[in-house]
Amino acid sequence: VCLTCCSRESMVRINQICHKNGIKFFTGDVFGYHGYMFADLGDHEFVEEKPKVAKGTSGVEDGPEAKRARLDPAETTMVKKRLEFCSLREALAVEWRGEKAAAALRRTAPDYFLLQ
């Protein structure tokens, strides 16, 4: 489900229905130079391609350089991953006061609060 130009209450209500039924949900809007996008993919599994760690060569292998794993960009391996997305209601309910929120507050663009 993709929503644009909806009220906050409508977005939260429709997202709750989607989240409960395992339906992927996207919402967003643009206001001049500012905009937002939210995605709730529920319990989402995906595959990520990663460079394979190359094994050391049989040459001289002493010192700190030999102990570092080298990445071989020519070879890759597929890694299965899983993410649990939160609902829009949970995302909007973030508490911005306290020590835990201080780090998140530094990483959050001021535009987020304008859009609120």
PDB file of N, CA and C in Angstrom:
ATOM      1  N   VAL A   1       0.855  -1.170   0.000  1.00  0.00           N
ATOM      2  CA  VAL A   1       0.000   0.000   0.000  1.00  0.00           C
ATOM      3  C   VAL A   1       0.897   1.227   0.000  1.00  0.00           C
ATOM      4  N   CYS A   2       0.627   2.186  -0.882  1.00  0.00           N
ATOM      5  CA  CYS A   2       1.377   3.446  -0.962  1.00  0.00           C
ATOM      6  C   CYS A   2       0.413   4.601  -0.741  1.00  0.00           C
ATOM      7  N   LEU A   3       0.742   5.489   0.202  1.00  0.00           N
ATOM      8  CA  LEU A   3      -0.102   6.647   0.501  1.00  0.00           C
ATOM      9  C   LEU A   3       0.667   7.945   0.304  1.00  0.00           C
ATOM     10  N   THR A   4      -0.016   8.950  -0.228  1.00  0.00           N
ATOM     11  CA  THR A   4       0.497  10.318  -0.266  1.00  0.00           C
ATOM     12  C   THR A   4      -0.671  11.249   0.023  1.00  0.00           C
ATOM     13  N   CYS A   5      -0.356  12.466   0.442  1.00  0.00           N
ATOM     14  CA  CYS A   5      -1.378  13.502   0.674  1.00  0.00           C
ATOM     15  C   CYS A   5      -2.464  13.058   1.641  1.00  0.00           C
ATOM     16  N   CYS A   6      -2.106  12.335   2.689  1.00  0.00           N
ATOM     17  CA  CYS A   6      -3.082  11.862   3.677  1.00  0.00           C
ATOM     18  C   CYS A   6      -2.817  12.528   5.020  1.00  0.00           C
ATOM     19  N   SER A   7      -3.841  12.563   5.844  1.00  0.00           N
ATOM     20  CA  SER A   7      -3.664  13.083   7.202  1.00  0.00           C
ATOM     21  C   SER A   7      -2.861  12.073   8.019  1.00  0.00           C
ATOM     22  N   ARG A   8      -2.265  12.569   9.081  1.00  0.00           N
ATOM     23  CA  ARG A   8      -1.472  11.709   9.967  1.00  0.00           C
ATOM     24  C   ARG A   8      -2.339  10.585  10.536  1.00  0.00           C
ATOM     25  N   GLU A   9      -3.566  10.916  10.936  1.00  0.00           N
ATOM     26  CA  GLU A   9      -4.474   9.911  11.510  1.00  0.00           C
ATOM     27  C   GLU A   9      -4.784   8.806  10.502  1.00  0.00           C
ATOM     28  N   SER A  10      -5.019   9.183   9.237  1.00  0.00           N
ATOM     29  CA  SER A  10      -5.300   8.185   8.196  1.00  0.00           C
ATOM     30  C   SER A  10      -4.094   7.290   7.968  1.00  0.00           C
ATOM     31  N   MET A  11      -2.910   7.886   7.914  1.00  0.00           N
ATOM     32  CA  MET A  11      -1.696   7.091   7.702  1.00  0.00           C
ATOM     33  C   MET A  11      -1.499   6.082   8.819  1.00  0.00           C
ATOM     34  N   VAL A  12      -1.661   6.521  10.067  1.00  0.00           N
ATOM     35  CA  VAL A  12      -1.474   5.630  11.216  1.00  0.00           C
ATOM     36  C   VAL A  12      -2.510   4.514  11.188  1.00  0.00           C
ATOM     37  N   ARG A  13      -3.767   4.837  10.915  1.00  0.00           N
ATOM     38  CA  ARG A  13      -4.838   3.843  10.890  1.00  0.00           C
ATOM     39  C   ARG A  13      -4.620   2.806   9.779  1.00  0.00           C
ATOM     40  N   ILE A  14      -4.304   3.258   8.583  1.00  0.00           N
ATOM     41  CA  ILE A  14      -4.087   2.337   7.454  1.00  0.00           C
ATOM     42  C   ILE A  14      -2.841   1.494   7.682  1.00  0.00           C
ATOM     43  N   ASN A  15      -1.783   2.102   8.259  1.00  0.00           N
ATOM     44  CA  ASN A  15      -0.575   1.334   8.555  1.00  0.00           C
ATOM     45  C   ASN A  15      -0.831   0.256   9.594  1.00  0.00           C
ATOM     46  N   GLN A  16      -1.661   0.534  10.595  1.00  0.00           N
ATOM     47  CA  GLN A  16      -1.988  -0.482  11.598  1.00  0.00           C
ATOM     48  C   GLN A  16      -2.649  -1.694  10.946  1.00  0.00           C
ATOM     49  N   ILE A  17      -3.560  -1.445  10.013  1.00  0.00           N
ATOM     50  CA  ILE A  17      -4.233  -2.535   9.310  1.00  0.00           C
ATOM     51  C   ILE A  17      -3.220  -3.330   8.485  1.00  0.00           C
ATOM     52  N   CYS A  18      -2.353  -2.631   7.750  1.00  0.00           N
ATOM     53  CA  CYS A  18      -1.332  -3.296   6.935  1.00  0.00           C
ATOM     54  C   CYS A  18      -0.365  -4.091   7.802  1.00  0.00           C
ATOM     55  N   HIS A  19       0.132  -3.479   8.885  1.00  0.00           N
ATOM     56  CA  HIS A  19       1.105  -4.134   9.765  1.00  0.00           C
ATOM     57  C   HIS A  19       0.517  -5.420  10.353  1.00  0.00           C
ATOM     58  N   LYS A  20      -0.733  -5.340  10.788  1.00  0.00           N
ATOM     59  CA  LYS A  20      -1.409  -6.489  11.397  1.00  0.00           C
ATOM     60  C   LYS A  20      -1.581  -7.640  10.392  1.00  0.00           C
ATOM     61  N   ASN A  21      -1.764  -7.313   9.118  1.00  0.00           N
ATOM     62  CA  ASN A  21      -2.021  -8.321   8.095  1.00  0.00           C
ATOM     63  C   ASN A  21      -0.806  -8.659   7.228  1.00  0.00           C
ATOM     64  N   GLY A  22       0.383  -8.172   7.612  1.00  0.00           N
ATOM     65  CA  GLY A  22       1.612  -8.501   6.889  1.00  0.00           C
ATOM     66  C   GLY A  22       1.692  -7.875   5.506  1.00  0.00           C
ATOM     67  N   ILE A  23       1.062  -6.723   5.319  1.00  0.00           N
ATOM     68  CA  ILE A  23       1.073  -6.025   4.030  1.00  0.00           C
ATOM     69  C   ILE A  23       2.110  -4.906   4.093  1.00  0.00           C
ATOM     70  N   LYS A  24       2.956  -4.834   3.091  1.00  0.00           N
ATOM     71  CA  LYS A  24       3.986  -3.789   3.053  1.00  0.00           C
ATOM     72  C   LYS A  24       3.324  -2.424   2.877  1.00  0.00           C
ATOM     73  N   PHE A  25       3.894  -1.394   3.531  1.00  0.00           N
ATOM     74  CA  PHE A  25       3.274  -0.068   3.588  1.00  0.00           C
ATOM     75  C   PHE A  25       4.312   1.013   3.342  1.00  0.00           C
ATOM     76  N   PHE A  26       3.995   1.942   2.466  1.00  0.00           N
ATOM     77  CA  PHE A  26       4.848   3.100   2.197  1.00  0.00           C
ATOM     78  C   PHE A  26       3.992   4.354   2.255  1.00  0.00           C
ATOM     79  N   THR A  27       4.533   5.426   2.815  1.00  0.00           N
ATOM     80  CA  THR A  27       3.852   6.707   2.782  1.00  0.00           C
ATOM     81  C   THR A  27       4.896   7.805   2.644  1.00  0.00           C
ATOM     82  N   GLY A  28       4.495   8.913   2.066  1.00  0.00           N
ATOM     83  CA  GLY A  28       5.418  10.027   1.899  1.00  0.00           C
ATOM     84  C   GLY A  28       4.692  11.233   1.344  1.00  0.00           C
ATOM     85  N   ASP A  29       5.376  12.350   1.377  1.00  0.00           N
ATOM     86  CA  ASP A  29       4.836  13.584   0.833  1.00  0.00           C
ATOM     87  C   ASP A  29       5.971  14.584   0.681  1.00  0.00           C
ATOM     88  N   VAL A  30       5.729  15.615  -0.080  1.00  0.00           N
ATOM     89  CA  VAL A  30       6.716  16.667  -0.313  1.00  0.00           C
ATOM     90  C   VAL A  30       6.043  18.014  -0.082  1.00  0.00           C
ATOM     91  N   PHE A  31       6.766  18.892   0.605  1.00  0.00           N
ATOM     92  CA  PHE A  31       6.297  20.249   0.881  1.00  0.00           C
ATOM     93  C   PHE A  31       7.410  21.205   0.459  1.00  0.00           C
ATOM     94  N   GLY A  32       7.411  21.641  -0.792  1.00  0.00           N
ATOM     95  CA  GLY A  32       8.476  22.502  -1.285  1.00  0.00           C
ATOM     96  C   GLY A  32       9.792  21.758  -1.292  1.00  0.00           C
ATOM     97  N   TYR A  33      10.775  22.257  -0.520  1.00  0.00           N
ATOM     98  CA  TYR A  33      12.087  21.615  -0.436  1.00  0.00           C
ATOM     99  C   TYR A  33      12.146  20.513   0.613  1.00  0.00           C
ATOM    100  N   HIS A  34      11.100  20.338   1.382  1.00  0.00           N
ATOM    101  CA  HIS A  34      11.092  19.353   2.459  1.00  0.00           C
ATOM    102  C   HIS A  34      10.144  18.215   2.114  1.00  0.00           C
ATOM    103  N   GLY A  35      10.479  17.030   2.592  1.00  0.00           N
ATOM    104  CA  GLY A  35       9.628  15.886   2.352  1.00  0.00           C
ATOM    105  C   GLY A  35       9.968  14.758   3.300  1.00  0.00           C
ATOM    106  N   TYR A  36       9.170  13.718   3.262  1.00  0.00           N
ATOM    107  CA  TYR A  36       9.421  12.555   4.109  1.00  0.00           C
ATOM    108  C   TYR A  36       8.985  11.298   3.366  1.00  0.00           C
ATOM    109  N   MET A  37       9.480  10.170   3.849  1.00  0.00           N
ATOM    110  CA  MET A  37       9.094   8.862   3.347  1.00  0.00           C
ATOM    111  C   MET A  37       9.194   7.887   4.509  1.00  0.00           C
ATOM    112  N   PHE A  38       8.201   7.044   4.647  1.00  0.00           N
ATOM    113  CA  PHE A  38       8.197   6.030   5.695  1.00  0.00           C
ATOM    114  C   PHE A  38       7.868   4.691   5.053  1.00  0.00           C
ATOM    115  N   ALA A  39       8.587   3.650   5.446  1.00  0.00           N
ATOM    116  CA  ALA A  39       8.337   2.298   4.946  1.00  0.00           C
ATOM    117  C   ALA A  39       8.179   1.337   6.116  1.00  0.00           C
ATOM    118  N   ASP A  40       7.128   0.545   6.085  1.00  0.00           N
ATOM    119  CA  ASP A  40       6.908  -0.529   7.054  1.00  0.00           C
ATOM    120  C   ASP A  40       6.803  -1.813   6.244  1.00  0.00           C
ATOM    121  N   LEU A  41       7.892  -2.581   6.233  1.00  0.00           N
ATOM    122  CA  LEU A  41       7.918  -3.834   5.480  1.00  0.00           C
ATOM    123  C   LEU A  41       7.653  -5.036   6.373  1.00  0.00           C
ATOM    124  N   GLY A  42       7.240  -4.771   7.627  1.00  0.00           N
ATOM    125  CA  GLY A  42       6.927  -5.866   8.549  1.00  0.00           C
ATOM    126  C   GLY A  42       8.143  -6.721   8.826  1.00  0.00           C
ATOM    127  N   ASP A  43       7.952  -8.027   8.801  1.00  0.00           N
ATOM    128  CA  ASP A  43       9.043  -8.987   8.992  1.00  0.00           C
ATOM    129  C   ASP A  43       9.620  -9.242   7.607  1.00  0.00           C
ATOM    130  N   HIS A  44      10.747  -8.620   7.303  1.00  0.00           N
ATOM    131  CA  HIS A  44      11.270  -8.594   5.936  1.00  0.00           C
ATOM    132  C   HIS A  44      12.558  -9.399   5.830  1.00  0.00           C
ATOM    133  N   GLU A  45      12.572 -10.392   4.940  1.00  0.00           N
ATOM    134  CA  GLU A  45      13.776 -11.176   4.674  1.00  0.00           C
ATOM    135  C   GLU A  45      14.316 -10.792   3.306  1.00  0.00           C
ATOM    136  N   PHE A  46      15.644 -10.714   3.207  1.00  0.00           N
ATOM    137  CA  PHE A  46      16.280 -10.348   1.950  1.00  0.00           C
ATOM    138  C   PHE A  46      17.666 -10.974   1.889  1.00  0.00           C
ATOM    139  N   VAL A  47      18.265 -10.917   0.715  1.00  0.00           N
ATOM    140  CA  VAL A  47      19.607 -11.461   0.511  1.00  0.00           C
ATOM    141  C   VAL A  47      20.529 -10.311   0.139  1.00  0.00           C
ATOM    142  N   GLU A  48      21.703 -10.273   0.774  1.00  0.00           N
ATOM    143  CA  GLU A  48      22.679  -9.223   0.518  1.00  0.00           C
ATOM    144  C   GLU A  48      23.948  -9.855  -0.045  1.00  0.00           C
ATOM    145  N   GLU A  49      24.492  -9.226  -1.072  1.00  0.00           N
ATOM    146  CA  GLU A  49      25.729  -9.710  -1.682  1.00  0.00           C
ATOM    147  C   GLU A  49      26.916  -9.057  -0.975  1.00  0.00           C
ATOM    148  N   LYS A  50      27.833  -9.882  -0.475  1.00  0.00           N
ATOM    149  CA  LYS A  50      29.007  -9.375   0.251  1.00  0.00           C
ATOM    150  C   LYS A  50      30.276  -9.881  -0.423  1.00  0.00           C
ATOM    151  N   PRO A  51      31.363  -9.072  -0.402  1.00  0.00           N
ATOM    152  CA  PRO A  51      32.645  -9.558  -0.946  1.00  0.00           C
ATOM    153  C   PRO A  51      33.146 -10.728  -0.103  1.00  0.00           C
ATOM    154  N   LYS A  52      33.702 -11.720  -0.768  1.00  0.00           N
ATOM    155  CA  LYS A  52      34.222 -12.893  -0.076  1.00  0.00           C
ATOM    156  C   LYS A  52      35.586 -12.569   0.523  1.00  0.00           C
ATOM    157  N   VAL A  53      35.851 -13.061   1.727  1.00  0.00           N
ATOM    158  CA  VAL A  53      37.138 -12.857   2.382  1.00  0.00           C
ATOM    159  C   VAL A  53      38.122 -13.827   1.755  1.00  0.00           C
ATOM    160  N   ALA A  54      39.194 -13.278   1.188  1.00  0.00           N
ATOM    161  CA  ALA A  54      40.207 -14.105   0.525  1.00  0.00           C
ATOM    162  C   ALA A  54      41.125 -14.729   1.563  1.00  0.00           C
ATOM    163  N   LYS A  55      41.522 -15.977   1.310  1.00  0.00           N
ATOM    164  CA  LYS A  55      42.470 -16.646   2.203  1.00  0.00           C
ATOM    165  C   LYS A  55      43.867 -16.142   1.886  1.00  0.00           C
ATOM    166  N   GLY A  56      44.734 -16.156   2.898  1.00  0.00           N
ATOM    167  CA  GLY A  56      46.106 -15.674   2.729  1.00  0.00           C
ATOM    168  C   GLY A  56      46.885 -16.492   1.711  1.00  0.00           C
ATOM    169  N   THR A  57      47.866 -15.847   1.087  1.00  0.00           N
ATOM    170  CA  THR A  57      48.716 -16.555   0.124  1.00  0.00           C
ATOM    171  C   THR A  57      49.792 -17.308   0.877  1.00  0.00           C
ATOM    172  N   SER A  58      50.491 -18.200   0.195  1.00  0.00           N
ATOM    173  CA  SER A  58      51.492 -19.031   0.866  1.00  0.00           C
ATOM    174  C   SER A  58      52.866 -18.371   0.896  1.00  0.00           C
ATOM    175  N   GLY A  59      52.948 -17.059   0.688  1.00  0.00           N
ATOM    176  CA  GLY A  59      54.220 -16.341   0.748  1.00  0.00           C
ATOM    177  C   GLY A  59      54.605 -16.049   2.182  1.00  0.00           C
ATOM    178  N   VAL A  60      55.447 -15.043   2.374  1.00  0.00           N
ATOM    179  CA  VAL A  60      55.856 -14.647   3.717  1.00  0.00           C
ATOM    180  C   VAL A  60      54.637 -14.072   4.435  1.00  0.00           C
ATOM    181  N   GLU A  61      54.290 -14.647   5.595  1.00  0.00           N
ATOM    182  CA  GLU A  61      53.060 -14.290   6.301  1.00  0.00           C
ATOM    183  C   GLU A  61      53.342 -13.850   7.725  1.00  0.00           C
ATOM    184  N   ASP A  62      54.220 -12.884   7.909  1.00  0.00           N
ATOM    185  CA  ASP A  62      54.434 -12.420   9.273  1.00  0.00           C
ATOM    186  C   ASP A  62      54.135 -10.932   9.345  1.00  0.00           C
ATOM    187  N   GLY A  63      53.914 -10.447  10.538  1.00  0.00           N
ATOM    188  CA  GLY A  63      53.609  -9.037  10.733  1.00  0.00           C
ATOM    189  C   GLY A  63      52.108  -8.773  10.741  1.00  0.00           C
ATOM    190  N   PRO A  64      51.745  -7.553  11.127  1.00  0.00           N
ATOM    191  CA  PRO A  64      50.316  -7.213  11.259  1.00  0.00           C
ATOM    192  C   PRO A  64      49.567  -7.238   9.933  1.00  0.00           C
ATOM    193  N   GLU A  65      50.248  -6.965   8.840  1.00  0.00           N
ATOM    194  CA  GLU A  65      49.604  -6.940   7.522  1.00  0.00           C
ATOM    195  C   GLU A  65      49.079  -8.329   7.146  1.00  0.00           C
ATOM    196  N   ALA A  66      49.810  -9.369   7.507  1.00  0.00           N
ATOM    197  CA  ALA A  66      49.423 -10.736   7.151  1.00  0.00           C
ATOM    198  C   ALA A  66      48.212 -11.203   7.948  1.00  0.00           C
ATOM    199  N   LYS A  67      47.989 -10.613   9.116  1.00  0.00           N
ATOM    200  CA  LYS A  67      46.907 -11.060   9.977  1.00  0.00           C
ATOM    201  C   LYS A  67      45.559 -10.464   9.567  1.00  0.00           C
ATOM    202  N   ARG A  68      45.580  -9.400   8.777  1.00  0.00           N
ATOM    203  CA  ARG A  68      44.322  -8.786   8.331  1.00  0.00           C
ATOM    204  C   ARG A  68      43.689  -9.612   7.228  1.00  0.00           C
ATOM    205  N   ALA A  69      42.384  -9.771   7.315  1.00  0.00           N
ATOM    206  CA  ALA A  69      41.667 -10.482   6.246  1.00  0.00           C
ATOM    207  C   ALA A  69      41.577  -9.555   5.044  1.00  0.00           C
ATOM    208  N   ARG A  70      41.794 -10.132   3.888  1.00  0.00           N
ATOM    209  CA  ARG A  70      41.710  -9.336   2.655  1.00  0.00           C
ATOM    210  C   ARG A  70      40.405  -9.658   1.955  1.00  0.00           C
ATOM    211  N   LEU A  71      39.774  -8.627   1.375  1.00  0.00           N
ATOM    212  CA  LEU A  71      38.546  -8.816   0.633  1.00  0.00           C
ATOM    213  C   LEU A  71      38.871  -8.989  -0.840  1.00  0.00           C
ATOM    214  N   ASP A  72      38.249  -9.966  -1.443  1.00  0.00           N
ATOM    215  CA  ASP A  72      38.428 -10.214  -2.863  1.00  0.00           C
ATOM    216  C   ASP A  72      37.185  -9.678  -3.570  1.00  0.00           C
ATOM    217  N   PRO A  73      37.283  -8.501  -4.226  1.00  0.00           N
ATOM    218  CA  PRO A  73      36.100  -7.919  -4.849  1.00  0.00           C
ATOM    219  C   PRO A  73      35.553  -8.732  -6.018  1.00  0.00           C
ATOM    220  N   ALA A  74      36.366  -9.620  -6.585  1.00  0.00           N
ATOM    221  CA  ALA A  74      35.914 -10.423  -7.722  1.00  0.00           C
ATOM    222  C   ALA A  74      34.941 -11.518  -7.280  1.00  0.00           C
ATOM    223  N   GLU A  75      35.082 -12.016  -6.059  1.00  0.00           N
ATOM    224  CA  GLU A  75      34.219 -13.087  -5.566  1.00  0.00           C
ATOM    225  C   GLU A  75      33.281 -12.544  -4.512  1.00  0.00           C
ATOM    226  N   THR A  76      32.031 -12.978  -4.582  1.00  0.00           N
ATOM    227  CA  THR A  76      31.050 -12.542  -3.591  1.00  0.00           C
ATOM    228  C   THR A  76      30.316 -13.745  -3.023  1.00  0.00           C
ATOM    229  N   THR A  77      29.686 -13.534  -1.901  1.00  0.00           N
ATOM    230  CA  THR A  77      28.858 -14.547  -1.279  1.00  0.00           C
ATOM    231  C   THR A  77      27.513 -13.910  -0.939  1.00  0.00           C
ATOM    232  N   MET A  78      26.464 -14.706  -0.932  1.00  0.00           N
ATOM    233  CA  MET A  78      25.136 -14.212  -0.627  1.00  0.00           C
ATOM    234  C   MET A  78      24.828 -14.486   0.843  1.00  0.00           C
ATOM    235  N   VAL A  79      24.374 -13.459   1.556  1.00  0.00           N
ATOM    236  CA  VAL A  79      24.069 -13.573   2.977  1.00  0.00           C
ATOM    237  C   VAL A  79      22.586 -13.265   3.173  1.00  0.00           C
ATOM    238  N   LYS A  80      21.857 -14.189   3.775  1.00  0.00           N
ATOM    239  CA  LYS A  80      20.432 -13.994   4.050  1.00  0.00           C
ATOM    240  C   LYS A  80      20.288 -13.181   5.328  1.00  0.00           C
ATOM    241  N   LYS A  81      19.443 -12.143   5.275  1.00  0.00           N
ATOM    242  CA  LYS A  81      19.236 -11.274   6.440  1.00  0.00           C
ATOM    243  C   LYS A  81      17.747 -11.105   6.689  1.00  0.00           C
ATOM    244  N   ARG A  82      17.421 -10.654   7.889  1.00  0.00           N
ATOM    245  CA  ARG A  82      16.030 -10.438   8.294  1.00  0.00           C
ATOM    246  C   ARG A  82      15.948  -9.161   9.108  1.00  0.00           C
ATOM    247  N   LEU A  83      14.959  -8.326   8.806  1.00  0.00           N
ATOM    248  CA  LEU A  83      14.719  -7.101   9.562  1.00  0.00           C
ATOM    249  C   LEU A  83      13.270  -7.058  10.014  1.00  0.00           C
ATOM    250  N   GLU A  84      13.041  -6.529  11.193  1.00  0.00           N
ATOM    251  CA  GLU A  84      11.693  -6.347  11.717  1.00  0.00           C
ATOM    252  C   GLU A  84      11.413  -4.846  11.727  1.00  0.00           C
ATOM    253  N   PHE A  85      10.506  -4.391  10.874  1.00  0.00           N
ATOM    254  CA  PHE A  85      10.157  -2.977  10.776  1.00  0.00           C
ATOM    255  C   PHE A  85       9.085  -2.635  11.804  1.00  0.00           C
ATOM    256  N   CYS A  86       9.148  -1.415  12.315  1.00  0.00           N
ATOM    257  CA  CYS A  86       8.141  -0.971  13.276  1.00  0.00           C
ATOM    258  C   CYS A  86       6.995  -0.293  12.539  1.00  0.00           C
ATOM    259  N   SER A  87       5.880  -0.136  13.233  1.00  0.00           N
ATOM    260  CA  SER A  87       4.727   0.539  12.649  1.00  0.00           C
ATOM    261  C   SER A  87       4.937   2.057  12.697  1.00  0.00           C
ATOM    262  N   LEU A  88       4.136   2.775  11.939  1.00  0.00           N
ATOM    263  CA  LEU A  88       4.212   4.239  11.926  1.00  0.00           C
ATOM    264  C   LEU A  88       3.909   4.807  13.302  1.00  0.00           C
ATOM    265  N   ARG A  89       2.945   4.231  13.981  1.00  0.00           N
ATOM    266  CA  ARG A  89       2.602   4.699  15.340  1.00  0.00           C
ATOM    267  C   ARG A  89       3.804   4.593  16.273  1.00  0.00           C
ATOM    268  N   GLU A  90       4.522   3.470  16.205  1.00  0.00           N
ATOM    269  CA  GLU A  90       5.712   3.282  17.051  1.00  0.00           C
ATOM    270  C   GLU A  90       6.804   4.284  16.679  1.00  0.00           C
ATOM    271  N   ALA A  91       6.976   4.526  15.387  1.00  0.00           N
ATOM    272  CA  ALA A  91       8.012   5.459  14.931  1.00  0.00           C
ATOM    273  C   ALA A  91       7.711   6.883  15.386  1.00  0.00           C
ATOM    274  N   LEU A  92       6.453   7.255  15.386  1.00  0.00           N
ATOM    275  CA  LEU A  92       6.072   8.614  15.796  1.00  0.00           C
ATOM    276  C   LEU A  92       6.073   8.786  17.312  1.00  0.00           C
ATOM    277  N   ALA A  93       6.077   7.688  18.055  1.00  0.00           N
ATOM    278  CA  ALA A  93       6.016   7.744  19.514  1.00  0.00           C
ATOM    279  C   ALA A  93       7.393   7.806  20.169  1.00  0.00           C
ATOM    280  N   VAL A  94       8.426   8.090  19.414  1.00  0.00           N
ATOM    281  CA  VAL A  94       9.784   8.148  19.964  1.00  0.00           C
ATOM    282  C   VAL A  94       9.856   9.252  21.011  1.00  0.00           C
ATOM    283  N   GLU A  95      10.452   8.944  22.136  1.00  0.00           N
ATOM    284  CA  GLU A  95      10.638   9.922  23.215  1.00  0.00           C
ATOM    285  C   GLU A  95      11.966  10.637  22.976  1.00  0.00           C
ATOM    286  N   TRP A  96      11.928  11.933  22.813  1.00  0.00           N
ATOM    287  CA  TRP A  96      13.118  12.712  22.462  1.00  0.00           C
ATOM    288  C   TRP A  96      13.826  13.299  23.672  1.00  0.00           C
ATOM    289  N   ARG A  97      13.382  12.978  24.880  1.00  0.00           N
ATOM    290  CA  ARG A  97      14.064  13.451  26.085  1.00  0.00           C
ATOM    291  C   ARG A  97      14.817  12.299  26.728  1.00  0.00           C
ATOM    292  N   GLY A  98      15.897  12.607  27.406  1.00  0.00           N
ATOM    293  CA  GLY A  98      16.658  11.584  28.103  1.00  0.00           C
ATOM    294  C   GLY A  98      17.987  11.296  27.429  1.00  0.00           C
ATOM    295  N   GLU A  99      18.815  10.522  28.127  1.00  0.00           N
ATOM    296  CA  GLU A  99      20.164  10.206  27.643  1.00  0.00           C
ATOM    297  C   GLU A  99      20.146   9.337  26.388  1.00  0.00           C
ATOM    298  N   LYS A 100      19.235   8.358  26.336  1.00  0.00           N
ATOM    299  CA  LYS A 100      19.191   7.456  25.178  1.00  0.00           C
ATOM    300  C   LYS A 100      18.870   8.217  23.901  1.00  0.00           C
ATOM    301  N   ALA A 101      18.035   9.234  23.997  1.00  0.00           N
ATOM    302  CA  ALA A 101      17.608   9.979  22.817  1.00  0.00           C
ATOM    303  C   ALA A 101      18.672  10.961  22.324  1.00  0.00           C
ATOM    304  N   ALA A 102      19.646  11.282  23.144  1.00  0.00           N
ATOM    305  CA  ALA A 102      20.647  12.289  22.778  1.00  0.00           C
ATOM    306  C   ALA A 102      21.406  11.902  21.510  1.00  0.00           C
ATOM    307  N   ALA A 103      21.828  10.655  21.402  1.00  0.00           N
ATOM    308  CA  ALA A 103      22.566  10.210  20.215  1.00  0.00           C
ATOM    309  C   ALA A 103      21.661  10.227  18.982  1.00  0.00           C
ATOM    310  N   ALA A 104      20.437   9.761  19.136  1.00  0.00           N
ATOM    311  CA  ALA A 104      19.491   9.764  18.011  1.00  0.00           C
ATOM    312  C   ALA A 104      19.160  11.183  17.590  1.00  0.00           C
ATOM    313  N   LEU A 105      19.077  12.075  18.529  1.00  0.00           N
ATOM    314  CA  LEU A 105      18.756  13.473  18.248  1.00  0.00           C
ATOM    315  C   LEU A 105      19.852  14.127  17.411  1.00  0.00           C
ATOM    316  N   ARG A 106      21.101  13.785  17.684  1.00  0.00           N
ATOM    317  CA  ARG A 106      22.222  14.330  16.897  1.00  0.00           C
ATOM    318  C   ARG A 106      22.199  13.827  15.457  1.00  0.00           C
ATOM    319  N   ARG A 107      21.689  12.601  15.242  1.00  0.00           N
ATOM    320  CA  ARG A 107      21.647  12.022  13.891  1.00  0.00           C
ATOM    321  C   ARG A 107      20.381  12.396  13.127  1.00  0.00           C
ATOM    322  N   THR A 108      19.433  13.042  13.783  1.00  0.00           N
ATOM    323  CA  THR A 108      18.151  13.365  13.151  1.00  0.00           C
ATOM    324  C   THR A 108      18.195  14.771  12.566  1.00  0.00           C
ATOM    325  N   ALA A 109      17.824  14.863  11.299  1.00  0.00           N
ATOM    326  CA  ALA A 109      17.813  16.169  10.627  1.00  0.00           C
ATOM    327  C   ALA A 109      16.735  17.062  11.237  1.00  0.00           C
ATOM    328  N   PRO A 110      16.999  18.366  11.347  1.00  0.00           N
ATOM    329  CA  PRO A 110      15.998  19.292  11.895  1.00  0.00           C
ATOM    330  C   PRO A 110      14.697  19.289  11.081  1.00  0.00           C
ATOM    331  N   ASP A 111      14.781  18.924   9.809  1.00  0.00           N
ATOM    332  CA  ASP A 111      13.590  18.862   8.960  1.00  0.00           C
ATOM    333  C   ASP A 111      12.543  17.900   9.529  1.00  0.00           C
ATOM    334  N   TYR A 112      13.003  16.862  10.228  1.00  0.00           N
ATOM    335  CA  TYR A 112      12.064  15.895  10.810  1.00  0.00           C
ATOM    336  C   TYR A 112      11.076  16.614  11.724  1.00  0.00           C
ATOM    337  N   PHE A 113      11.565  17.526  12.529  1.00  0.00           N
ATOM    338  CA  PHE A 113      10.710  18.210  13.487  1.00  0.00           C
ATOM    339  C   PHE A 113       9.817  19.245  12.785  1.00  0.00           C
ATOM    340  N   LEU A 114      10.294  19.820  11.695  1.00  0.00           N
ATOM    341  CA  LEU A 114       9.453  20.718  10.906  1.00  0.00           C
ATOM    342  C   LEU A 114       8.256  19.960  10.330  1.00  0.00           C
ATOM    343  N   LEU A 115       8.502  18.753   9.860  1.00  0.00           N
ATOM    344  CA  LEU A 115       7.433  17.964   9.261  1.00  0.00           C
ATOM    345  C   LEU A 115       6.439  17.459  10.312  1.00  0.00           C
ATOM    346  N   GLN A 116       6.877  17.350  11.552  1.00  0.00           N
ATOM    347  CA  GLN A 116       5.967  16.935  12.620  1.00  0.00           C
ATOM    348  C   GLN A 116       4.942  18.013  12.867  1.00  0.00           C
TER     349      GLN A 116
END
